[in-house]
Amino acid sequence: MKIQILGTGCPKCLQLTENAKLAVQELGIKCEIEKVTKIEDIIGFGVMMTPALAIDGQVKSCGKLLSPDEIKGMLK
């Protein structure tokens, strides 16, 4: 499984990355977490608002800072 955090490095993007790491740790699953920071790559996902989160290449949320619990719900 692969989680991608889409964002240029703003505070909300950084917090979303930390929340994703915490969610994965709490679930005890193996998961790659990748930061996507290039505007061209973010637009390639069809995302116009960051932060955004994609799981296995599929965008699950954009323009919202998800909590670890919200992310865990998406991973289950």
N, C-alpha and C. Protein backbone atom coordinates (compact mmCIF):
# COMPACT_ATOMS: atom_id res chain seq x y z
N MET A 1 0.84 -1.17 0.00
CA MET A 1 0.00 0.00 0.00
C MET A 1 0.89 1.24 0.00
N LYS A 2 0.41 2.28 -0.66
CA LYS A 2 1.18 3.51 -0.79
C LYS A 2 0.28 4.71 -0.52
N ILE A 3 0.72 5.57 0.40
CA ILE A 3 0.03 6.82 0.68
C ILE A 3 0.86 7.94 0.08
N GLN A 4 0.19 8.83 -0.65
CA GLN A 4 0.87 9.97 -1.21
C GLN A 4 0.26 11.25 -0.63
N ILE A 5 1.12 12.11 -0.12
CA ILE A 5 0.71 13.40 0.39
C ILE A 5 1.02 14.42 -0.69
N LEU A 6 0.00 15.08 -1.19
CA LEU A 6 0.16 16.04 -2.27
C LEU A 6 0.14 17.45 -1.69
N GLY A 7 1.24 18.15 -1.85
CA GLY A 7 1.33 19.51 -1.34
C GLY A 7 2.75 20.04 -1.49
N THR A 8 2.86 21.35 -1.48
CA THR A 8 4.15 21.99 -1.75
C THR A 8 5.01 22.16 -0.50
N GLY A 9 4.50 21.80 0.66
CA GLY A 9 5.30 21.91 1.88
C GLY A 9 4.75 22.91 2.88
N CYS A 10 3.51 23.30 2.72
CA CYS A 10 2.88 24.22 3.67
C CYS A 10 2.70 23.52 5.02
N PRO A 11 2.44 24.26 6.09
CA PRO A 11 2.27 23.63 7.41
C PRO A 11 1.19 22.55 7.44
N LYS A 12 0.08 22.76 6.73
CA LYS A 12 -0.98 21.74 6.71
C LYS A 12 -0.52 20.49 5.99
N CYS A 13 0.27 20.64 4.95
CA CYS A 13 0.80 19.48 4.22
C CYS A 13 1.74 18.67 5.12
N LEU A 14 2.58 19.39 5.87
CA LEU A 14 3.50 18.71 6.77
C LEU A 14 2.74 18.00 7.88
N GLN A 15 1.68 18.62 8.40
CA GLN A 15 0.88 18.00 9.45
C GLN A 15 0.15 16.78 8.91
N LEU A 16 -0.34 16.84 7.67
CA LEU A 16 -1.02 15.69 7.06
C LEU A 16 -0.05 14.52 6.95
N THR A 17 1.20 14.79 6.61
CA THR A 17 2.21 13.74 6.54
C THR A 17 2.39 13.09 7.91
N GLU A 18 2.49 13.90 8.95
CA GLU A 18 2.65 13.36 10.31
C GLU A 18 1.41 12.56 10.74
N ASN A 19 0.23 13.06 10.38
CA ASN A 19 -1.00 12.34 10.73
C ASN A 19 -1.08 11.00 10.00
N ALA A 20 -0.62 10.96 8.76
CA ALA A 20 -0.61 9.70 8.00
C ALA A 20 0.36 8.70 8.63
N LYS A 21 1.53 9.18 9.03
CA LYS A 21 2.51 8.31 9.68
C LYS A 21 1.94 7.73 10.98
N LEU A 22 1.26 8.58 11.75
CA LEU A 22 0.66 8.14 13.00
C LEU A 22 -0.44 7.10 12.76
N ALA A 23 -1.27 7.34 11.75
CA ALA A 23 -2.35 6.40 11.42
C ALA A 23 -1.79 5.03 11.05
N VAL A 24 -0.76 5.02 10.21
CA VAL A 24 -0.13 3.76 9.79
C VAL A 24 0.47 3.05 11.00
N GLN A 25 1.13 3.80 11.85
CA GLN A 25 1.76 3.23 13.05
C GLN A 25 0.70 2.64 13.98
N GLU A 26 -0.39 3.37 14.19
CA GLU A 26 -1.44 2.88 15.09
C GLU A 26 -2.14 1.64 14.55
N LEU A 27 -2.26 1.54 13.22
CA LEU A 27 -2.88 0.36 12.62
C LEU A 27 -1.90 -0.82 12.54
N GLY A 28 -0.62 -0.52 12.64
CA GLY A 28 0.39 -1.57 12.58
C GLY A 28 0.52 -2.20 11.21
N ILE A 29 0.33 -1.38 10.16
CA ILE A 29 0.43 -1.91 8.80
C ILE A 29 1.71 -1.37 8.14
N LYS A 30 2.15 -2.09 7.12
CA LYS A 30 3.30 -1.63 6.33
C LYS A 30 2.75 -0.80 5.19
N CYS A 31 3.32 0.38 5.06
CA CYS A 31 2.81 1.30 4.06
C CYS A 31 3.91 2.29 3.70
N GLU A 32 4.06 2.55 2.42
CA GLU A 32 5.01 3.57 1.96
C GLU A 32 4.31 4.92 1.97
N ILE A 33 4.97 5.93 2.52
CA ILE A 33 4.42 7.28 2.51
C ILE A 33 5.34 8.15 1.66
N GLU A 34 4.76 8.73 0.62
CA GLU A 34 5.53 9.53 -0.33
C GLU A 34 4.97 10.95 -0.36
N LYS A 35 5.86 11.93 -0.39
CA LYS A 35 5.45 13.32 -0.54
C LYS A 35 5.54 13.69 -2.02
N VAL A 36 4.47 14.26 -2.55
CA VAL A 36 4.46 14.73 -3.93
C VAL A 36 4.41 16.26 -3.85
N THR A 37 5.51 16.91 -4.25
CA THR A 37 5.61 18.35 -4.06
C THR A 37 5.65 19.17 -5.35
N LYS A 38 5.87 18.52 -6.48
CA LYS A 38 5.92 19.25 -7.75
C LYS A 38 4.51 19.58 -8.21
N ILE A 39 4.29 20.85 -8.53
CA ILE A 39 2.97 21.32 -8.95
C ILE A 39 2.44 20.50 -10.13
N GLU A 40 3.32 20.19 -11.09
CA GLU A 40 2.89 19.44 -12.27
C GLU A 40 2.36 18.06 -11.87
N ASP A 41 3.04 17.43 -10.92
CA ASP A 41 2.62 16.09 -10.47
C ASP A 41 1.30 16.17 -9.71
N ILE A 42 1.15 17.20 -8.88
CA ILE A 42 -0.09 17.37 -8.11
C ILE A 42 -1.26 17.59 -9.06
N ILE A 43 -1.08 18.45 -10.06
CA ILE A 43 -2.13 18.70 -11.05
C ILE A 43 -2.44 17.43 -11.83
N GLY A 44 -1.42 16.59 -12.04
CA GLY A 44 -1.62 15.32 -12.74
C GLY A 44 -2.61 14.40 -12.03
N PHE A 45 -2.75 14.58 -10.72
CA PHE A 45 -3.74 13.82 -9.96
C PHE A 45 -5.13 14.46 -10.07
N GLY A 46 -5.21 15.63 -10.69
CA GLY A 46 -6.48 16.35 -10.78
C GLY A 46 -6.77 17.16 -9.53
N VAL A 47 -5.76 17.40 -8.72
CA VAL A 47 -5.93 18.12 -7.46
C VAL A 47 -5.65 19.61 -7.67
N MET A 48 -6.58 20.44 -7.21
CA MET A 48 -6.41 21.89 -7.32
C MET A 48 -6.25 22.55 -5.95
N MET A 49 -6.55 21.80 -4.88
CA MET A 49 -6.39 22.34 -3.53
C MET A 49 -5.58 21.36 -2.69
N THR A 50 -4.62 21.90 -1.95
CA THR A 50 -3.81 21.06 -1.08
C THR A 50 -4.09 21.47 0.36
N PRO A 51 -3.79 20.62 1.31
CA PRO A 51 -3.16 19.32 1.14
C PRO A 51 -4.15 18.30 0.60
N ALA A 52 -3.60 17.29 -0.04
CA ALA A 52 -4.42 16.20 -0.56
C ALA A 52 -3.76 14.88 -0.19
N LEU A 53 -4.57 13.84 -0.13
CA LEU A 53 -4.07 12.52 0.23
C LEU A 53 -4.58 11.52 -0.80
N ALA A 54 -3.66 10.70 -1.30
CA ALA A 54 -4.02 9.64 -2.24
C ALA A 54 -3.55 8.32 -1.65
N ILE A 55 -4.35 7.29 -1.86
CA ILE A 55 -4.00 5.93 -1.43
C ILE A 55 -3.95 5.08 -2.69
N ASP A 56 -2.80 4.46 -2.91
CA ASP A 56 -2.56 3.64 -4.10
C ASP A 56 -2.94 4.39 -5.39
N GLY A 57 -2.58 5.68 -5.43
CA GLY A 57 -2.78 6.48 -6.64
C GLY A 57 -4.16 7.07 -6.79
N GLN A 58 -5.07 6.79 -5.87
CA GLN A 58 -6.44 7.30 -5.95
C GLN A 58 -6.63 8.39 -4.90
N VAL A 59 -7.01 9.60 -5.34
CA VAL A 59 -7.19 10.72 -4.43
C VAL A 59 -8.39 10.46 -3.53
N LYS A 60 -8.17 10.56 -2.23
CA LYS A 60 -9.23 10.33 -1.24
C LYS A 60 -9.70 11.61 -0.58
N SER A 61 -8.84 12.64 -0.58
CA SER A 61 -9.20 13.90 0.06
C SER A 61 -8.35 15.01 -0.52
N CYS A 62 -8.96 16.20 -0.68
CA CYS A 62 -8.16 17.36 -1.06
C CYS A 62 -8.72 18.62 -0.40
N GLY A 63 -7.78 19.51 -0.06
CA GLY A 63 -8.16 20.76 0.57
C GLY A 63 -8.52 20.65 2.03
N LYS A 64 -8.18 19.51 2.66
CA LYS A 64 -8.57 19.29 4.05
C LYS A 64 -7.43 18.61 4.80
N LEU A 65 -7.22 19.05 6.03
CA LEU A 65 -6.25 18.41 6.91
C LEU A 65 -6.97 17.30 7.65
N LEU A 66 -6.69 16.05 7.26
CA LEU A 66 -7.34 14.89 7.88
C LEU A 66 -6.67 14.54 9.20
N SER A 67 -7.48 14.08 10.14
CA SER A 67 -6.95 13.60 11.42
C SER A 67 -6.42 12.18 11.23
N PRO A 68 -5.58 11.71 12.16
CA PRO A 68 -5.14 10.31 12.07
C PRO A 68 -6.31 9.33 12.03
N ASP A 69 -7.36 9.59 12.80
CA ASP A 69 -8.52 8.69 12.80
C ASP A 69 -9.23 8.66 11.45
N GLU A 70 -9.34 9.82 10.80
CA GLU A 70 -9.96 9.86 9.46
C GLU A 70 -9.13 9.06 8.47
N ILE A 71 -7.82 9.18 8.56
CA ILE A 71 -6.94 8.43 7.66
C ILE A 71 -7.04 6.94 7.93
N LYS A 72 -7.09 6.56 9.21
CA LYS A 72 -7.22 5.14 9.55
C LYS A 72 -8.50 4.56 8.95
N GLY A 73 -9.57 5.33 8.97
CA GLY A 73 -10.83 4.87 8.37
C GLY A 73 -10.70 4.60 6.88
N MET A 74 -9.89 5.37 6.20
CA MET A 74 -9.67 5.18 4.76
C MET A 74 -8.77 3.98 4.48
N LEU A 75 -7.90 3.66 5.42
CA LEU A 75 -6.95 2.56 5.22
C LEU A 75 -7.53 1.20 5.54
N LYS A 76 -8.59 1.17 6.32
CA LYS A 76 -9.16 -0.13 6.73
C LYS A 76 -9.90 -0.79 5.61
